[in-house]
Amino acid sequence: MDEKKLFDSLDKITKLLAMFIVKEKSLKDQVKILSDLGLKPSEIAVITGKTANLIRVTKTSLKNKNG
């Protein structure tokens, strides 16, 4: 298996695991958990099925609530 295929496979596995972790949680909880794991808004959007813009807005509201 070449390096590109390996990284693509690992990326898919990571996304599946992330989906499992946040399953049945609110969007705010999903965003908080996935952000804490180091995922970017665009990556969180793919996992949650939401737009990257909505993820950014949600992250901002979480910061304002905790700040």
PDB file of N, CA and C in Angstrom:
ATOM      1  N   MET A   1       0.853  -1.178   0.000  1.00  0.00           N
ATOM      2  CA  MET A   1       0.000   0.000   0.000  1.00  0.00           C
ATOM      3  C   MET A   1       0.897   1.238   0.000  1.00  0.00           C
ATOM      4  N   ASP A   2       0.625   2.145  -0.940  1.00  0.00           N
ATOM      5  CA  ASP A   2       1.458   3.336  -0.977  1.00  0.00           C
ATOM      6  C   ASP A   2       1.032   4.322   0.106  1.00  0.00           C
ATOM      7  N   GLU A   3       1.861   5.315   0.311  1.00  0.00           N
ATOM      8  CA  GLU A   3       1.663   6.264   1.400  1.00  0.00           C
ATOM      9  C   GLU A   3       0.352   7.042   1.262  1.00  0.00           C
ATOM     10  N   LYS A   4       0.007   7.462   0.065  1.00  0.00           N
ATOM     11  CA  LYS A   4      -1.238   8.219  -0.166  1.00  0.00           C
ATOM     12  C   LYS A   4      -2.453   7.384   0.216  1.00  0.00           C
ATOM     13  N   LYS A   5      -2.493   6.131  -0.204  1.00  0.00           N
ATOM     14  CA  LYS A   5      -3.623   5.257   0.133  1.00  0.00           C
ATOM     15  C   LYS A   5      -3.702   5.042   1.638  1.00  0.00           C
ATOM     16  N   LEU A   6      -2.561   4.904   2.262  1.00  0.00           N
ATOM     17  CA  LEU A   6      -2.520   4.709   3.712  1.00  0.00           C
ATOM     18  C   LEU A   6      -3.113   5.918   4.430  1.00  0.00           C
ATOM     19  N   PHE A   7      -2.690   7.119   4.041  1.00  0.00           N
ATOM     20  CA  PHE A   7      -3.210   8.327   4.676  1.00  0.00           C
ATOM     21  C   PHE A   7      -4.696   8.519   4.386  1.00  0.00           C
ATOM     22  N   ASP A   8      -5.137   8.191   3.182  1.00  0.00           N
ATOM     23  CA  ASP A   8      -6.565   8.275   2.861  1.00  0.00           C
ATOM     24  C   ASP A   8      -7.372   7.319   3.728  1.00  0.00           C
ATOM     25  N   SER A   9      -6.856   6.127   3.912  1.00  0.00           N
ATOM     26  CA  SER A   9      -7.538   5.142   4.760  1.00  0.00           C
ATOM     27  C   SER A   9      -7.592   5.604   6.211  1.00  0.00           C
ATOM     28  N   LEU A  10      -6.489   6.134   6.700  1.00  0.00           N
ATOM     29  CA  LEU A  10      -6.453   6.637   8.078  1.00  0.00           C
ATOM     30  C   LEU A  10      -7.412   7.804   8.256  1.00  0.00           C
ATOM     31  N   ASP A  11      -7.521   8.661   7.242  1.00  0.00           N
ATOM     32  CA  ASP A  11      -8.445   9.788   7.293  1.00  0.00           C
ATOM     33  C   ASP A  11      -9.886   9.298   7.404  1.00  0.00           C
ATOM     34  N   LYS A  12     -10.231   8.291   6.632  1.00  0.00           N
ATOM     35  CA  LYS A  12     -11.583   7.733   6.678  1.00  0.00           C
ATOM     36  C   LYS A  12     -11.879   7.105   8.041  1.00  0.00           C
ATOM     37  N   ILE A  13     -10.924   6.379   8.560  1.00  0.00           N
ATOM     38  CA  ILE A  13     -11.087   5.744   9.867  1.00  0.00           C
ATOM     39  C   ILE A  13     -11.261   6.806  10.954  1.00  0.00           C
ATOM     40  N   THR A  14     -10.467   7.861  10.884  1.00  0.00           N
ATOM     41  CA  THR A  14     -10.555   8.948  11.857  1.00  0.00           C
ATOM     42  C   THR A  14     -11.929   9.590  11.829  1.00  0.00           C
ATOM     43  N   LYS A  15     -12.458   9.846  10.632  1.00  0.00           N
ATOM     44  CA  LYS A  15     -13.776  10.458  10.511  1.00  0.00           C
ATOM     45  C   LYS A  15     -14.868   9.540  11.047  1.00  0.00           C
ATOM     46  N   LEU A  16     -14.751   8.260  10.778  1.00  0.00           N
ATOM     47  CA  LEU A  16     -15.739   7.309  11.301  1.00  0.00           C
ATOM     48  C   LEU A  16     -15.717   7.260  12.825  1.00  0.00           C
ATOM     49  N   LEU A  17     -14.524   7.251  13.396  1.00  0.00           N
ATOM     50  CA  LEU A  17     -14.410   7.242  14.857  1.00  0.00           C
ATOM     51  C   LEU A  17     -14.978   8.526  15.457  1.00  0.00           C
ATOM     52  N   ALA A  18     -14.691   9.649  14.822  1.00  0.00           N
ATOM     53  CA  ALA A  18     -15.211  10.928  15.310  1.00  0.00           C
ATOM     54  C   ALA A  18     -16.727  10.942  15.258  1.00  0.00           C
ATOM     55  N   MET A  19     -17.302  10.409  14.181  1.00  0.00           N
ATOM     56  CA  MET A  19     -18.759  10.345  14.069  1.00  0.00           C
ATOM     57  C   MET A  19     -19.341   9.503  15.199  1.00  0.00           C
ATOM     58  N   PHE A  20     -18.690   8.417  15.515  1.00  0.00           N
ATOM     59  CA  PHE A  20     -19.156   7.537  16.587  1.00  0.00           C
ATOM     60  C   PHE A  20     -19.092   8.250  17.938  1.00  0.00           C
ATOM     61  N   ILE A  21     -18.019   9.001  18.169  1.00  0.00           N
ATOM     62  CA  ILE A  21     -17.825   9.695  19.447  1.00  0.00           C
ATOM     63  C   ILE A  21     -18.917  10.720  19.700  1.00  0.00           C
ATOM     64  N   VAL A  22     -19.319  11.457  18.655  1.00  0.00           N
ATOM     65  CA  VAL A  22     -20.276  12.553  18.853  1.00  0.00           C
ATOM     66  C   VAL A  22     -21.713  12.179  18.527  1.00  0.00           C
ATOM     67  N   LYS A  23     -21.928  10.935  18.203  1.00  0.00           N
ATOM     68  CA  LYS A  23     -23.270  10.470  17.851  1.00  0.00           C
ATOM     69  C   LYS A  23     -24.264  10.813  18.962  1.00  0.00           C
ATOM     70  N   GLU A  24     -25.418  11.343  18.550  1.00  0.00           N
ATOM     71  CA  GLU A  24     -26.521  11.672  19.461  1.00  0.00           C
ATOM     72  C   GLU A  24     -26.213  12.788  20.459  1.00  0.00           C
ATOM     73  N   LYS A  25     -25.207  13.601  20.188  1.00  0.00           N
ATOM     74  CA  LYS A  25     -24.919  14.761  21.027  1.00  0.00           C
ATOM     75  C   LYS A  25     -25.428  16.006  20.313  1.00  0.00           C
ATOM     76  N   SER A  26     -25.627  17.064  21.060  1.00  0.00           N
ATOM     77  CA  SER A  26     -26.063  18.322  20.451  1.00  0.00           C
ATOM     78  C   SER A  26     -24.939  18.859  19.563  1.00  0.00           C
ATOM     79  N   LEU A  27     -25.301  19.758  18.655  1.00  0.00           N
ATOM     80  CA  LEU A  27     -24.287  20.331  17.768  1.00  0.00           C
ATOM     81  C   LEU A  27     -23.199  21.041  18.560  1.00  0.00           C
ATOM     82  N   LYS A  28     -23.599  21.784  19.593  1.00  0.00           N
ATOM     83  CA  LYS A  28     -22.592  22.485  20.407  1.00  0.00           C
ATOM     84  C   LYS A  28     -21.625  21.501  21.058  1.00  0.00           C
ATOM     85  N   ASP A  29     -22.141  20.404  21.567  1.00  0.00           N
ATOM     86  CA  ASP A  29     -21.273  19.390  22.175  1.00  0.00           C
ATOM     87  C   ASP A  29     -20.373  18.746  21.118  1.00  0.00           C
ATOM     88  N   GLN A  30     -20.942  18.488  19.948  1.00  0.00           N
ATOM     89  CA  GLN A  30     -20.145  17.901  18.868  1.00  0.00           C
ATOM     90  C   GLN A  30     -18.987  18.824  18.495  1.00  0.00           C
ATOM     91  N   VAL A  31     -19.300  20.109  18.328  1.00  0.00           N
ATOM     92  CA  VAL A  31     -18.276  21.078  17.937  1.00  0.00           C
ATOM     93  C   VAL A  31     -17.207  21.192  19.020  1.00  0.00           C
ATOM     94  N   LYS A  32     -17.633  21.247  20.270  1.00  0.00           N
ATOM     95  CA  LYS A  32     -16.665  21.360  21.372  1.00  0.00           C
ATOM     96  C   LYS A  32     -15.741  20.145  21.414  1.00  0.00           C
ATOM     97  N   ILE A  33     -16.304  18.972  21.352  1.00  0.00           N
ATOM     98  CA  ILE A  33     -15.504  17.737  21.420  1.00  0.00           C
ATOM     99  C   ILE A  33     -14.536  17.651  20.248  1.00  0.00           C
ATOM    100  N   LEU A  34     -15.053  17.852  19.052  1.00  0.00           N
ATOM    101  CA  LEU A  34     -14.207  17.711  17.864  1.00  0.00           C
ATOM    102  C   LEU A  34     -13.160  18.814  17.777  1.00  0.00           C
ATOM    103  N   SER A  35     -13.512  20.025  18.222  1.00  0.00           N
ATOM    104  CA  SER A  35     -12.526  21.113  18.261  1.00  0.00           C
ATOM    105  C   SER A  35     -11.423  20.792  19.265  1.00  0.00           C
ATOM    106  N   ASP A  36     -11.829  20.283  20.415  1.00  0.00           N
ATOM    107  CA  ASP A  36     -10.850  19.908  21.442  1.00  0.00           C
ATOM    108  C   ASP A  36      -9.899  18.812  20.948  1.00  0.00           C
ATOM    109  N   LEU A  37     -10.378  18.004  19.999  1.00  0.00           N
ATOM    110  CA  LEU A  37      -9.530  16.972  19.414  1.00  0.00           C
ATOM    111  C   LEU A  37      -8.613  17.529  18.328  1.00  0.00           C
ATOM    112  N   GLY A  38      -8.773  18.816  18.014  1.00  0.00           N
ATOM    113  CA  GLY A  38      -7.889  19.472  17.057  1.00  0.00           C
ATOM    114  C   GLY A  38      -8.396  19.520  15.628  1.00  0.00           C
ATOM    115  N   LEU A  39      -9.661  19.199  15.413  1.00  0.00           N
ATOM    116  CA  LEU A  39     -10.203  19.241  14.063  1.00  0.00           C
ATOM    117  C   LEU A  39     -10.563  20.668  13.672  1.00  0.00           C
ATOM    118  N   LYS A  40     -10.390  20.977  12.394  1.00  0.00           N
ATOM    119  CA  LYS A  40     -10.716  22.287  11.840  1.00  0.00           C
ATOM    120  C   LYS A  40     -12.214  22.348  11.548  1.00  0.00           C
ATOM    121  N   PRO A  41     -12.772  23.560  11.465  1.00  0.00           N
ATOM    122  CA  PRO A  41     -14.198  23.689  11.151  1.00  0.00           C
ATOM    123  C   PRO A  41     -14.614  22.946   9.886  1.00  0.00           C
ATOM    124  N   SER A  42     -13.792  22.965   8.861  1.00  0.00           N
ATOM    125  CA  SER A  42     -14.148  22.257   7.624  1.00  0.00           C
ATOM    126  C   SER A  42     -14.204  20.745   7.846  1.00  0.00           C
ATOM    127  N   GLU A  43     -13.335  20.227   8.694  1.00  0.00           N
ATOM    128  CA  GLU A  43     -13.346  18.794   9.007  1.00  0.00           C
ATOM    129  C   GLU A  43     -14.560  18.434   9.864  1.00  0.00           C
ATOM    130  N   ILE A  44     -14.888  19.308  10.808  1.00  0.00           N
ATOM    131  CA  ILE A  44     -16.057  19.085  11.659  1.00  0.00           C
ATOM    132  C   ILE A  44     -17.324  19.128  10.816  1.00  0.00           C
ATOM    133  N   ALA A  45     -17.347  20.023   9.842  1.00  0.00           N
ATOM    134  CA  ALA A  45     -18.510  20.138   8.960  1.00  0.00           C
ATOM    135  C   ALA A  45     -18.765  18.835   8.211  1.00  0.00           C
ATOM    136  N   VAL A  46     -17.726  18.206   7.733  1.00  0.00           N
ATOM    137  CA  VAL A  46     -17.876  16.935   7.019  1.00  0.00           C
ATOM    138  C   VAL A  46     -18.444  15.870   7.951  1.00  0.00           C
ATOM    139  N   ILE A  47     -17.942  15.823   9.153  1.00  0.00           N
ATOM    140  CA  ILE A  47     -18.368  14.801  10.119  1.00  0.00           C
ATOM    141  C   ILE A  47     -19.814  15.009  10.566  1.00  0.00           C
ATOM    142  N   THR A  48     -20.191  16.269  10.780  1.00  0.00           N
ATOM    143  CA  THR A  48     -21.527  16.563  11.304  1.00  0.00           C
ATOM    144  C   THR A  48     -22.583  16.746  10.214  1.00  0.00           C
ATOM    145  N   GLY A  49     -22.136  16.936   8.986  1.00  0.00           N
ATOM    146  CA  GLY A  49     -23.079  17.176   7.898  1.00  0.00           C
ATOM    147  C   GLY A  49     -23.599  18.604   7.877  1.00  0.00           C
ATOM    148  N   LYS A  50     -22.916  19.493   8.554  1.00  0.00           N
ATOM    149  CA  LYS A  50     -23.286  20.914   8.601  1.00  0.00           C
ATOM    150  C   LYS A  50     -22.291  21.705   7.756  1.00  0.00           C
ATOM    151  N   THR A  51     -22.544  23.008   7.613  1.00  0.00           N
ATOM    152  CA  THR A  51     -21.610  23.838   6.858  1.00  0.00           C
ATOM    153  C   THR A  51     -20.460  24.282   7.757  1.00  0.00           C
ATOM    154  N   ALA A  52     -19.329  24.560   7.126  1.00  0.00           N
ATOM    155  CA  ALA A  52     -18.169  25.041   7.878  1.00  0.00           C
ATOM    156  C   ALA A  52     -18.498  26.377   8.545  1.00  0.00           C
ATOM    157  N   ASN A  53     -19.309  27.210   7.869  1.00  0.00           N
ATOM    158  CA  ASN A  53     -19.689  28.496   8.453  1.00  0.00           C
ATOM    159  C   ASN A  53     -20.500  28.297   9.737  1.00  0.00           C
ATOM    160  N   LEU A  54     -21.440  27.357   9.731  1.00  0.00           N
ATOM    161  CA  LEU A  54     -22.218  27.083  10.939  1.00  0.00           C
ATOM    162  C   LEU A  54     -21.304  26.588  12.059  1.00  0.00           C
ATOM    163  N   ILE A  55     -20.328  25.790  11.727  1.00  0.00           N
ATOM    164  CA  ILE A  55     -19.384  25.289  12.734  1.00  0.00           C
ATOM    165  C   ILE A  55     -18.590  26.452  13.323  1.00  0.00           C
ATOM    166  N   ARG A  56     -18.133  27.384  12.477  1.00  0.00           N
ATOM    167  CA  ARG A  56     -17.396  28.557  12.971  1.00  0.00           C
ATOM    168  C   ARG A  56     -18.265  29.402  13.899  1.00  0.00           C
ATOM    169  N   VAL A  57     -19.515  29.622  13.519  1.00  0.00           N
ATOM    170  CA  VAL A  57     -20.443  30.405  14.345  1.00  0.00           C
ATOM    171  C   VAL A  57     -20.663  29.701  15.684  1.00  0.00           C
ATOM    172  N   THR A  58     -20.822  28.397  15.640  1.00  0.00           N
ATOM    173  CA  THR A  58     -21.031  27.629  16.873  1.00  0.00           C
ATOM    174  C   THR A  58     -19.798  27.713  17.766  1.00  0.00           C
ATOM    175  N   LYS A  59     -18.599  27.604  17.173  1.00  0.00           N
ATOM    176  CA  LYS A  59     -17.359  27.724  17.952  1.00  0.00           C
ATOM    177  C   LYS A  59     -17.279  29.087  18.618  1.00  0.00           C
ATOM    178  N   THR A  60     -17.656  30.140  17.881  1.00  0.00           N
ATOM    179  CA  THR A  60     -17.618  31.490  18.416  1.00  0.00           C
ATOM    180  C   THR A  60     -18.589  31.632  19.587  1.00  0.00           C
ATOM    181  N   SER A  61     -19.781  31.072  19.442  1.00  0.00           N
ATOM    182  CA  SER A  61     -20.749  31.163  20.541  1.00  0.00           C
ATOM    183  C   SER A  61     -20.267  30.401  21.766  1.00  0.00           C
ATOM    184  N   LEU A  62     -19.550  29.318  21.561  1.00  0.00           N
ATOM    185  CA  LEU A  62     -18.995  28.569  22.686  1.00  0.00           C
ATOM    186  C   LEU A  62     -17.916  29.388  23.390  1.00  0.00           C
ATOM    187  N   LYS A  63     -17.085  30.075  22.616  1.00  0.00           N
ATOM    188  CA  LYS A  63     -16.030  30.914  23.204  1.00  0.00           C
ATOM    189  C   LYS A  63     -16.643  32.061  23.992  1.00  0.00           C
ATOM    190  N   ASN A  64     -17.679  32.682  23.420  1.00  0.00           N
ATOM    191  CA  ASN A  64     -18.322  33.825  24.092  1.00  0.00           C
ATOM    192  C   ASN A  64     -19.017  33.388  25.374  1.00  0.00           C
ATOM    193  N   LYS A  65     -19.586  32.199  25.363  1.00  0.00           N
ATOM    194  CA  LYS A  65     -20.278  31.671  26.544  1.00  0.00           C
ATOM    195  C   LYS A  65     -19.283  31.364  27.658  1.00  0.00           C
ATOM    196  N   ASN A  66     -18.100  30.826  27.281  1.00  0.00           N
ATOM    197  CA  ASN A  66     -17.102  30.422  28.265  1.00  0.00           C
ATOM    198  C   ASN A  66     -16.147  31.548  28.632  1.00  0.00           C
ATOM    199  N   GLY A  67     -16.119  32.612  27.832  1.00  0.00           N
ATOM    200  CA  GLY A  67     -15.144  33.680  28.019  1.00  0.00           C
ATOM    201  C   GLY A  67     -15.585  34.656  29.018  1.00  0.00           C
TER     202      GLY A  67
END
